[in-house]
Each structure stands twice: as structure tokens, then as C-alpha cells.
Amino acid sequence: MSQHGPSRPRTIHEPVSIAIVASLYNNTYVQGLLDAGCEEINEIAPNASITVYRVPGAFEIPVCAEMVLRHSLPDVLIAFGVIIRGATEHGDLVGASVTDALQRMAVAHCTPVVHEVLLVSSEEQARERCLGESINRGTEAGRVAVQMISLFNKMRASFAGETGMEDA
């Protein structure tokens, strides 16, 4: 497991909209991701508006995310969930399905989707990634979200300059 996540981006002060879709299943771990992600966003994007949508499990994340992207147009969407592998292939199937759906959504809506639906092999791995201070994936998700907002804002400004359009 990599110990080197994204570095903290520059603080952005403009108002931005961030949607988070988070699973209730394995809630102790998902809440750890959610708390760390929101804390990081509030520090590096103090004017961010964060809306959280809770769904029963990881499999329900994509349909809720699609609804959010269709109707609320956030600057970025973060997906939080934890799937712990069991004796069957169910967890792997759900993980692959969610990953595919989130990627397709990001491309179709041209909106960054930060994927932190973690597929882990044990509760120990879940604790390390979701409740640990040194490698909390929620913190990483907050950083990636702000980095992607900054990148997309720069891209829009660049495209507007090239085409003469105000809002590209």
C-alpha cells in the first residue's frame, strides 16, 4: 500500500459545490472517511458548500451519484464506501460494478468523481485507511476534490480565452 497520497493543494477561496455520496454500510469506517474528507475540504476550500447524501450500501452509490449529477451540478462529487471481502465474490462484484459506474458517470457528465469506495480484505485494512491519521483516504479524497476543482476552473478559463466564450 502506498503511503504517499496527494499533497495538500493551495487554498481556494471562491465558492464551490461539493457533493458526497456515502454508504451507511460499514458505517464506522465510512464515517471516518466522511469526517476526514469534510475536515480537509473545510480547511482548503473554506467557502465550499458540501452536501452529503447517505445511501444504504456501496451498490446504491452510483444511482444516487447519477441523480446528483443530473440535477444539482456540483463542481465535484466524492463517493465514500467500504466493502470488506468475504468468503464469496460478492464484494469484488460490487466493487467492480461501482468503479465502472462512477468512471462512466464522470466522463458522461464531464464532472470529476473522486472514487473512495474501498474494497479491502480485512477490518484491519479498513481501520488503517479510514480511521488512521497517517493515511486516511478521506483526507486524500478532500485534497483530490479541491485539486480537480482548481484544474477544471483553469481549463474552463483557458478554453474561454481560446474560443472567446465566457463560459466553456
C-alpha atoms as a PDB file:
ATOM      1  CA  MET A   1       0.000   0.000   0.000  1.00  0.00           C
ATOM      2  CA  SER A   2       1.309   3.389  -0.950  1.00  0.00           C
ATOM      3  CA  GLN A   3       1.970   5.744   1.927  1.00  0.00           C
ATOM      4  CA  HIS A   4       2.267   8.767  -0.351  1.00  0.00           C
ATOM      5  CA  GLY A   5      -1.083  10.351  -1.091  1.00  0.00           C
ATOM      6  CA  PRO A   6      -1.720  13.636  -2.825  1.00  0.00           C
ATOM      7  CA  SER A   7      -0.108  16.673  -1.250  1.00  0.00           C
ATOM      8  CA  ARG A   8      -2.305  19.421   0.093  1.00  0.00           C
ATOM      9  CA  PRO A   9      -3.289  21.811  -2.705  1.00  0.00           C
ATOM     10  CA  ARG A  10      -3.399  25.578  -2.475  1.00  0.00           C
ATOM     11  CA  THR A  11      -6.372  27.000  -0.639  1.00  0.00           C
ATOM     12  CA  ILE A  12      -9.208  28.105  -2.881  1.00  0.00           C
ATOM     13  CA  HIS A  13     -11.471  30.893  -1.699  1.00  0.00           C
ATOM     14  CA  GLU A  14     -14.162  31.007  -4.371  1.00  0.00           C
ATOM     15  CA  PRO A  15     -17.498  29.363  -3.582  1.00  0.00           C
ATOM     16  CA  VAL A  16     -17.627  25.776  -4.835  1.00  0.00           C
ATOM     17  CA  SER A  17     -20.183  22.990  -4.620  1.00  0.00           C
ATOM     18  CA  ILE A  18     -19.121  19.535  -3.476  1.00  0.00           C
ATOM     19  CA  ALA A  19     -21.488  16.569  -3.324  1.00  0.00           C
ATOM     20  CA  ILE A  20     -20.630  13.495  -1.293  1.00  0.00           C
ATOM     21  CA  VAL A  21     -22.449  10.182  -1.637  1.00  0.00           C
ATOM     22  CA  ALA A  22     -21.592   7.905   1.282  1.00  0.00           C
ATOM     23  CA  SER A  23     -22.668   4.408   2.200  1.00  0.00           C
ATOM     24  CA  LEU A  24     -24.229   3.595   5.556  1.00  0.00           C
ATOM     25  CA  TYR A  25     -22.931   0.015   5.397  1.00  0.00           C
ATOM     26  CA  ASN A  26     -19.727  -0.394   7.434  1.00  0.00           C
ATOM     27  CA  ASN A  27     -20.676   2.995   8.823  1.00  0.00           C
ATOM     28  CA  THR A  28     -17.872   3.281  11.388  1.00  0.00           C
ATOM     29  CA  TYR A  29     -15.320   3.222   8.594  1.00  0.00           C
ATOM     30  CA  VAL A  30     -17.317   5.289   6.124  1.00  0.00           C
ATOM     31  CA  GLN A  31     -17.951   7.930   8.797  1.00  0.00           C
ATOM     32  CA  GLY A  32     -14.185   8.096   9.331  1.00  0.00           C
ATOM     33  CA  LEU A  33     -13.724   8.808   5.617  1.00  0.00           C
ATOM     34  CA  LEU A  34     -16.540  11.342   5.618  1.00  0.00           C
ATOM     35  CA  ASP A  35     -15.302  13.208   8.690  1.00  0.00           C
ATOM     36  CA  ALA A  36     -11.703  13.377   7.445  1.00  0.00           C
ATOM     37  CA  GLY A  37     -12.779  14.407   3.943  1.00  0.00           C
ATOM     38  CA  CYS A  38     -15.065  17.191   5.145  1.00  0.00           C
ATOM     39  CA  GLU A  39     -12.448  18.449   7.602  1.00  0.00           C
ATOM     40  CA  GLU A  40      -9.823  18.649   4.849  1.00  0.00           C
ATOM     41  CA  ILE A  41     -12.214  20.370   2.429  1.00  0.00           C
ATOM     42  CA  ASN A  42     -13.223  22.927   5.059  1.00  0.00           C
ATOM     43  CA  GLU A  43      -9.549  23.771   5.620  1.00  0.00           C
ATOM     44  CA  ILE A  44      -8.510  24.128   1.968  1.00  0.00           C
ATOM     45  CA  ALA A  45     -11.803  25.347   0.483  1.00  0.00           C
ATOM     46  CA  PRO A  46     -13.383  27.378   3.294  1.00  0.00           C
ATOM     47  CA  ASN A  47     -16.221  28.642   1.088  1.00  0.00           C
ATOM     48  CA  ALA A  48     -17.215  25.201  -0.143  1.00  0.00           C
ATOM     49  CA  SER A  49     -20.810  24.117   0.107  1.00  0.00           C
ATOM     50  CA  ILE A  50     -20.808  20.404   0.969  1.00  0.00           C
ATOM     51  CA  THR A  51     -23.961  18.329   0.553  1.00  0.00           C
ATOM     52  CA  VAL A  52     -23.909  14.754   1.856  1.00  0.00           C
ATOM     53  CA  TYR A  53     -26.235  12.019   0.631  1.00  0.00           C
ATOM     54  CA  ARG A  54     -26.294   8.737   2.585  1.00  0.00           C
ATOM     55  CA  VAL A  55     -27.265   5.505   0.856  1.00  0.00           C
ATOM     56  CA  PRO A  56     -27.736   2.007   2.323  1.00  0.00           C
ATOM     57  CA  GLY A  57     -24.703   0.346   0.738  1.00  0.00           C
ATOM     58  CA  ALA A  58     -21.956   0.701  -1.837  1.00  0.00           C
ATOM     59  CA  PHE A  59     -24.123  -0.716  -4.627  1.00  0.00           C
ATOM     60  CA  GLU A  60     -26.547   2.213  -4.233  1.00  0.00           C
ATOM     61  CA  ILE A  61     -23.828   4.867  -4.558  1.00  0.00           C
ATOM     62  CA  PRO A  62     -23.875   5.097  -8.388  1.00  0.00           C
ATOM     63  CA  VAL A  63     -27.618   5.643  -8.785  1.00  0.00           C
ATOM     64  CA  CYS A  64     -27.598   8.378  -6.143  1.00  0.00           C
ATOM     65  CA  ALA A  65     -24.483   9.927  -7.704  1.00  0.00           C
ATOM     66  CA  GLU A  66     -26.167   9.923 -11.121  1.00  0.00           C
ATOM     67  CA  MET A  67     -29.227  11.687  -9.685  1.00  0.00           C
ATOM     68  CA  VAL A  68     -26.992  14.300  -8.050  1.00  0.00           C
ATOM     69  CA  LEU A  69     -25.004  14.907 -11.241  1.00  0.00           C
ATOM     70  CA  ARG A  70     -28.165  15.242 -13.322  1.00  0.00           C
ATOM     71  CA  HIS A  71     -29.945  17.664 -11.027  1.00  0.00           C
ATOM     72  CA  SER A  72     -27.561  19.638  -8.822  1.00  0.00           C
ATOM     73  CA  LEU A  73     -24.439  20.122 -10.981  1.00  0.00           C
ATOM     74  CA  PRO A  74     -21.730  20.041  -8.279  1.00  0.00           C
ATOM     75  CA  ASP A  75     -18.166  21.063  -9.110  1.00  0.00           C
ATOM     76  CA  VAL A  76     -17.044  17.628  -7.914  1.00  0.00           C
ATOM     77  CA  LEU A  77     -18.626  14.507  -6.460  1.00  0.00           C
ATOM     78  CA  ILE A  78     -16.952  12.248  -3.893  1.00  0.00           C
ATOM     79  CA  ALA A  79     -18.065   8.647  -3.352  1.00  0.00           C
ATOM     80  CA  PHE A  80     -17.298   7.064   0.035  1.00  0.00           C
ATOM     81  CA  GLY A  81     -17.890   3.423   0.872  1.00  0.00           C
ATOM     82  CA  VAL A  82     -16.163   0.416   2.388  1.00  0.00           C
ATOM     83  CA  ILE A  83     -16.533  -3.130   1.105  1.00  0.00           C
ATOM     84  CA  ILE A  84     -14.842  -5.839   3.165  1.00  0.00           C
ATOM     85  CA  ARG A  85     -14.166  -9.028   1.208  1.00  0.00           C
ATOM     86  CA  GLY A  86     -15.892 -12.121   2.499  1.00  0.00           C
ATOM     87  CA  ALA A  87     -15.961 -15.791   1.574  1.00  0.00           C
ATOM     88  CA  THR A  88     -17.781 -15.182  -1.725  1.00  0.00           C
ATOM     89  CA  GLU A  89     -17.110 -12.988  -4.750  1.00  0.00           C
ATOM     90  CA  HIS A  90     -19.947 -10.600  -3.873  1.00  0.00           C
ATOM     91  CA  GLY A  91     -17.666  -7.825  -2.621  1.00  0.00           C
ATOM     92  CA  ASP A  92     -15.466  -7.973  -5.705  1.00  0.00           C
ATOM     93  CA  LEU A  93     -18.511  -7.870  -7.984  1.00  0.00           C
ATOM     94  CA  VAL A  94     -19.986  -4.875  -6.158  1.00  0.00           C
ATOM     95  CA  GLY A  95     -16.614  -3.102  -6.135  1.00  0.00           C
ATOM     96  CA  ALA A  96     -16.083  -3.594  -9.866  1.00  0.00           C
ATOM     97  CA  SER A  97     -19.638  -2.523 -10.671  1.00  0.00           C
ATOM     98  CA  VAL A  98     -19.385   0.651  -8.598  1.00  0.00           C
ATOM     99  CA  THR A  99     -15.983   1.530 -10.049  1.00  0.00           C
ATOM    100  CA  ASP A 100     -17.208   1.125 -13.619  1.00  0.00           C
ATOM    101  CA  ALA A 101     -20.388   3.124 -12.996  1.00  0.00           C
ATOM    102  CA  LEU A 102     -18.551   6.018 -11.309  1.00  0.00           C
ATOM    103  CA  GLN A 103     -15.976   6.269 -14.106  1.00  0.00           C
ATOM    104  CA  ARG A 104     -18.661   6.259 -16.796  1.00  0.00           C
ATOM    105  CA  MET A 105     -20.548   8.964 -14.909  1.00  0.00           C
ATOM    106  CA  ALA A 106     -17.517  11.211 -14.589  1.00  0.00           C
ATOM    107  CA  VAL A 107     -16.861  11.009 -18.318  1.00  0.00           C
ATOM    108  CA  ALA A 108     -20.516  11.354 -19.354  1.00  0.00           C
ATOM    109  CA  HIS A 109     -21.092  14.422 -17.163  1.00  0.00           C
ATOM    110  CA  CYS A 110     -17.559  15.834 -17.564  1.00  0.00           C
ATOM    111  CA  THR A 111     -17.529  16.249 -13.793  1.00  0.00           C
ATOM    112  CA  PRO A 112     -14.758  14.954 -11.537  1.00  0.00           C
ATOM    113  CA  VAL A 113     -15.848  11.981  -9.439  1.00  0.00           C
ATOM    114  CA  VAL A 114     -13.461  11.087  -6.624  1.00  0.00           C
ATOM    115  CA  HIS A 115     -13.672   7.332  -6.050  1.00  0.00           C
ATOM    116  CA  GLU A 116     -13.098   6.303  -2.443  1.00  0.00           C
ATOM    117  CA  VAL A 117     -15.258   3.202  -2.354  1.00  0.00           C
ATOM    118  CA  LEU A 118     -12.638   0.992  -0.802  1.00  0.00           C
ATOM    119  CA  LEU A 119     -12.502  -2.766  -1.338  1.00  0.00           C
ATOM    120  CA  VAL A 120     -10.402  -4.190   1.482  1.00  0.00           C
ATOM    121  CA  SER A 121      -9.532  -7.686   2.634  1.00  0.00           C
ATOM    122  CA  SER A 122      -9.926  -7.163   6.381  1.00  0.00           C
ATOM    123  CA  GLU A 123     -11.222  -4.915   9.115  1.00  0.00           C
ATOM    124  CA  GLU A 124      -7.592  -4.075   9.897  1.00  0.00           C
ATOM    125  CA  GLN A 125      -7.132  -2.665   6.389  1.00  0.00           C
ATOM    126  CA  ALA A 126     -10.381  -0.715   6.758  1.00  0.00           C
ATOM    127  CA  ARG A 127      -9.199   0.777  10.067  1.00  0.00           C
ATOM    128  CA  GLU A 128      -5.828   1.775   8.586  1.00  0.00           C
ATOM    129  CA  ARG A 129      -7.397   3.528   5.600  1.00  0.00           C
ATOM    130  CA  CYS A 130     -10.484   5.031   7.215  1.00  0.00           C
ATOM    131  CA  LEU A 131      -9.643   5.734  10.837  1.00  0.00           C
ATOM    132  CA  GLY A 132      -5.881   6.164  10.684  1.00  0.00           C
ATOM    133  CA  GLU A 133      -4.329   9.584  10.886  1.00  0.00           C
ATOM    134  CA  SER A 134      -1.362   8.982   8.606  1.00  0.00           C
ATOM    135  CA  ILE A 135      -3.119   7.564   5.539  1.00  0.00           C
ATOM    136  CA  ASN A 136      -6.804   8.411   5.897  1.00  0.00           C
ATOM    137  CA  ARG A 137      -8.312   8.072   2.443  1.00  0.00           C
ATOM    138  CA  GLY A 138     -10.988  10.636   3.331  1.00  0.00           C
ATOM    139  CA  THR A 139      -8.297  13.300   3.680  1.00  0.00           C
ATOM    140  CA  GLU A 140      -6.868  12.234   0.334  1.00  0.00           C
ATOM    141  CA  ALA A 141     -10.321  12.474  -1.267  1.00  0.00           C
ATOM    142  CA  GLY A 142     -10.757  16.028   0.016  1.00  0.00           C
ATOM    143  CA  ARG A 143      -7.404  17.012  -1.470  1.00  0.00           C
ATOM    144  CA  VAL A 144      -8.144  15.382  -4.820  1.00  0.00           C
ATOM    145  CA  ALA A 145     -11.555  17.074  -4.954  1.00  0.00           C
ATOM    146  CA  VAL A 146     -10.043  20.536  -4.464  1.00  0.00           C
ATOM    147  CA  GLN A 147      -7.217  19.795  -6.918  1.00  0.00           C
ATOM    148  CA  MET A 148      -9.742  18.755  -9.564  1.00  0.00           C
ATOM    149  CA  ILE A 149     -11.901  21.838  -8.977  1.00  0.00           C
ATOM    150  CA  SER A 150      -8.830  24.046  -9.421  1.00  0.00           C
ATOM    151  CA  LEU A 151      -7.751  22.176 -12.553  1.00  0.00           C
ATOM    152  CA  PHE A 152     -11.202  22.325 -14.148  1.00  0.00           C
ATOM    153  CA  ASN A 153     -11.515  26.044 -13.327  1.00  0.00           C
ATOM    154  CA  LYS A 154      -8.154  26.689 -15.036  1.00  0.00           C
ATOM    155  CA  MET A 155      -9.189  24.591 -18.019  1.00  0.00           C
ATOM    156  CA  ARG A 156     -12.500  26.448 -18.376  1.00  0.00           C
ATOM    157  CA  ALA A 157     -10.711  29.804 -18.216  1.00  0.00           C
ATOM    158  CA  SER A 158      -8.189  28.647 -20.806  1.00  0.00           C
ATOM    159  CA  PHE A 159     -10.865  27.326 -23.145  1.00  0.00           C
ATOM    160  CA  ALA A 160     -12.881  30.519 -22.767  1.00  0.00           C
ATOM    161  CA  GLY A 161      -9.805  32.536 -23.751  1.00  0.00           C
ATOM    162  CA  GLU A 162      -9.162  30.386 -26.804  1.00  0.00           C
ATOM    163  CA  THR A 163     -12.729  30.444 -28.054  1.00  0.00           C
ATOM    164  CA  GLY A 164     -13.770  33.868 -26.853  1.00  0.00           C
ATOM    165  CA  MET A 165     -16.642  32.285 -24.940  1.00  0.00           C
ATOM    166  CA  GLU A 166     -17.244  33.405 -21.377  1.00  0.00           C
ATOM    167  CA  ASP A 167     -18.422  30.052 -20.070  1.00  0.00           C
ATOM    168  CA  ALA A 168     -16.902  26.995 -21.726  1.00  0.00           C
END
